[in-house]
Amino acid sequence: MATLLHVLLIIAIIIVCFFVLTFTVYFFNLDMKLMALMEPIFLKHYDKIKRDKHL
């Protein structure tokens, strides 16, 4: 019985840590800030792609 409670406690701690992490990302809008930093890299790659101009 103690092992089951120990496992449930570990699972609860993992869930709480995951919630805190995702809430921090949401609250500070970190995902869009990261994408703003990566946008020039994506644009450079996109500009190098050859396109078929014959439609």
N, C-alpha and C. Protein backbone atom coordinates (compact mmCIF):
# COMPACT_ATOMS: atom_id res chain seq x y z
N MET A 1 0.83 -1.20 0.00
CA MET A 1 0.00 0.00 0.00
C MET A 1 0.87 1.26 0.00
N ALA A 2 1.97 1.20 0.74
CA ALA A 2 2.85 2.37 0.81
C ALA A 2 3.50 2.63 -0.55
N THR A 3 3.77 1.57 -1.30
CA THR A 3 4.37 1.73 -2.62
C THR A 3 3.41 2.42 -3.57
N LEU A 4 2.13 2.07 -3.48
CA LEU A 4 1.12 2.70 -4.33
C LEU A 4 1.01 4.19 -4.01
N LEU A 5 1.00 4.53 -2.73
CA LEU A 5 0.93 5.94 -2.35
C LEU A 5 2.18 6.69 -2.81
N HIS A 6 3.31 6.05 -2.73
CA HIS A 6 4.57 6.67 -3.17
C HIS A 6 4.53 6.93 -4.68
N VAL A 7 4.04 5.98 -5.44
CA VAL A 7 3.93 6.15 -6.90
C VAL A 7 2.93 7.25 -7.23
N LEU A 8 1.79 7.29 -6.55
CA LEU A 8 0.80 8.34 -6.79
C LEU A 8 1.35 9.71 -6.42
N LEU A 9 2.15 9.79 -5.37
CA LEU A 9 2.76 11.06 -4.98
C LEU A 9 3.73 11.54 -6.05
N ILE A 10 4.52 10.63 -6.59
CA ILE A 10 5.48 10.99 -7.65
C ILE A 10 4.73 11.47 -8.89
N ILE A 11 3.65 10.77 -9.26
CA ILE A 11 2.85 11.17 -10.43
C ILE A 11 2.23 12.55 -10.20
N ALA A 12 1.73 12.80 -8.99
CA ALA A 12 1.13 14.10 -8.68
C ALA A 12 2.18 15.21 -8.77
N ILE A 13 3.38 14.96 -8.29
CA ILE A 13 4.44 15.96 -8.35
C ILE A 13 4.81 16.25 -9.80
N ILE A 14 4.88 15.23 -10.63
CA ILE A 14 5.19 15.42 -12.06
C ILE A 14 4.11 16.24 -12.73
N ILE A 15 2.85 15.96 -12.44
CA ILE A 15 1.74 16.71 -13.04
C ILE A 15 1.77 18.17 -12.61
N VAL A 16 2.03 18.43 -11.34
CA VAL A 16 2.10 19.81 -10.86
C VAL A 16 3.27 20.56 -11.51
N CYS A 17 4.42 19.91 -11.63
CA CYS A 17 5.57 20.55 -12.28
C CYS A 17 5.28 20.85 -13.74
N PHE A 18 4.62 19.91 -14.44
CA PHE A 18 4.25 20.14 -15.83
C PHE A 18 3.28 21.31 -15.95
N PHE A 19 2.30 21.41 -15.03
CA PHE A 19 1.36 22.51 -15.05
C PHE A 19 2.06 23.84 -14.81
N VAL A 20 2.96 23.89 -13.85
CA VAL A 20 3.69 25.13 -13.57
C VAL A 20 4.53 25.55 -14.78
N LEU A 21 5.17 24.59 -15.42
CA LEU A 21 5.96 24.89 -16.61
C LEU A 21 5.10 25.44 -17.73
N THR A 22 3.99 24.77 -18.04
CA THR A 22 3.14 25.24 -19.13
C THR A 22 2.48 26.57 -18.79
N PHE A 23 2.11 26.79 -17.53
CA PHE A 23 1.53 28.07 -17.15
C PHE A 23 2.54 29.20 -17.28
N THR A 24 3.80 28.94 -16.94
CA THR A 24 4.84 29.95 -17.08
C THR A 24 5.05 30.32 -18.54
N VAL A 25 5.06 29.32 -19.41
CA VAL A 25 5.20 29.59 -20.85
C VAL A 25 4.01 30.42 -21.33
N TYR A 26 2.81 30.07 -20.91
CA TYR A 26 1.61 30.80 -21.32
C TYR A 26 1.61 32.22 -20.77
N PHE A 27 1.93 32.39 -19.50
CA PHE A 27 1.84 33.69 -18.85
C PHE A 27 2.81 34.70 -19.45
N PHE A 28 4.02 34.28 -19.74
CA PHE A 28 5.02 35.18 -20.28
C PHE A 28 5.10 35.15 -21.80
N ASN A 29 4.21 34.39 -22.46
CA ASN A 29 4.14 34.32 -23.92
C ASN A 29 5.49 33.89 -24.51
N LEU A 30 6.12 32.93 -23.87
CA LEU A 30 7.47 32.53 -24.26
C LEU A 30 7.51 31.81 -25.60
N ASP A 31 6.43 31.15 -25.99
CA ASP A 31 6.44 30.45 -27.26
C ASP A 31 6.52 31.44 -28.43
N MET A 32 5.79 32.54 -28.36
CA MET A 32 5.84 33.52 -29.44
C MET A 32 7.13 34.33 -29.42
N LYS A 33 7.70 34.53 -28.24
CA LYS A 33 8.99 35.21 -28.17
C LYS A 33 10.09 34.35 -28.81
N LEU A 34 10.02 33.04 -28.60
CA LEU A 34 10.97 32.14 -29.24
C LEU A 34 10.78 32.15 -30.75
N MET A 35 9.55 32.14 -31.20
CA MET A 35 9.30 32.16 -32.65
C MET A 35 9.76 33.49 -33.27
N ALA A 36 9.65 34.58 -32.55
CA ALA A 36 10.13 35.86 -33.07
C ALA A 36 11.65 35.84 -33.24
N LEU A 37 12.34 35.12 -32.37
CA LEU A 37 13.79 34.99 -32.51
C LEU A 37 14.17 34.08 -33.67
N MET A 38 13.33 33.07 -33.95
CA MET A 38 13.64 32.11 -34.99
C MET A 38 13.14 32.54 -36.37
N GLU A 39 12.32 33.57 -36.45
CA GLU A 39 11.73 33.98 -37.72
C GLU A 39 12.76 34.30 -38.80
N PRO A 40 13.84 35.03 -38.50
CA PRO A 40 14.82 35.30 -39.56
C PRO A 40 15.45 34.02 -40.14
N ILE A 41 15.64 33.02 -39.31
CA ILE A 41 16.20 31.75 -39.79
C ILE A 41 15.22 31.09 -40.75
N PHE A 42 13.94 31.08 -40.38
CA PHE A 42 12.93 30.49 -41.25
C PHE A 42 12.78 31.26 -42.55
N LEU A 43 12.82 32.58 -42.48
CA LEU A 43 12.68 33.38 -43.69
C LEU A 43 13.86 33.17 -44.63
N LYS A 44 15.06 33.04 -44.09
CA LYS A 44 16.23 32.79 -44.92
C LYS A 44 16.09 31.45 -45.65
N HIS A 45 15.60 30.45 -44.92
CA HIS A 45 15.40 29.14 -45.54
C HIS A 45 14.29 29.21 -46.60
N TYR A 46 13.22 29.90 -46.31
CA TYR A 46 12.09 29.99 -47.22
C TYR A 46 12.49 30.72 -48.50
N ASP A 47 13.33 31.72 -48.39
CA ASP A 47 13.76 32.47 -49.56
C ASP A 47 14.66 31.65 -50.48
N LYS A 48 15.31 30.62 -49.97
CA LYS A 48 16.19 29.79 -50.78
C LYS A 48 15.44 28.71 -51.57
N ILE A 49 14.19 28.48 -51.25
CA ILE A 49 13.43 27.42 -51.90
C ILE A 49 13.14 27.83 -53.35
N LYS A 50 13.43 26.89 -54.28
CA LYS A 50 13.11 27.14 -55.68
C LYS A 50 11.63 26.94 -55.89
N ARG A 51 11.05 27.83 -56.68
CA ARG A 51 9.62 27.78 -56.92
C ARG A 51 9.35 27.55 -58.39
N ASP A 52 8.27 26.86 -58.66
CA ASP A 52 7.81 26.64 -60.03
C ASP A 52 6.94 27.83 -60.41
N LYS A 53 7.41 28.68 -61.29
CA LYS A 53 6.70 29.91 -61.66
C LYS A 53 5.76 29.70 -62.84
N HIS A 54 5.69 28.47 -63.35
CA HIS A 54 4.84 28.18 -64.50
C HIS A 54 3.55 27.56 -64.02
N LEU A 55 2.50 28.32 -64.12
CA LEU A 55 1.21 27.78 -63.70
C LEU A 55 0.40 27.58 -64.88
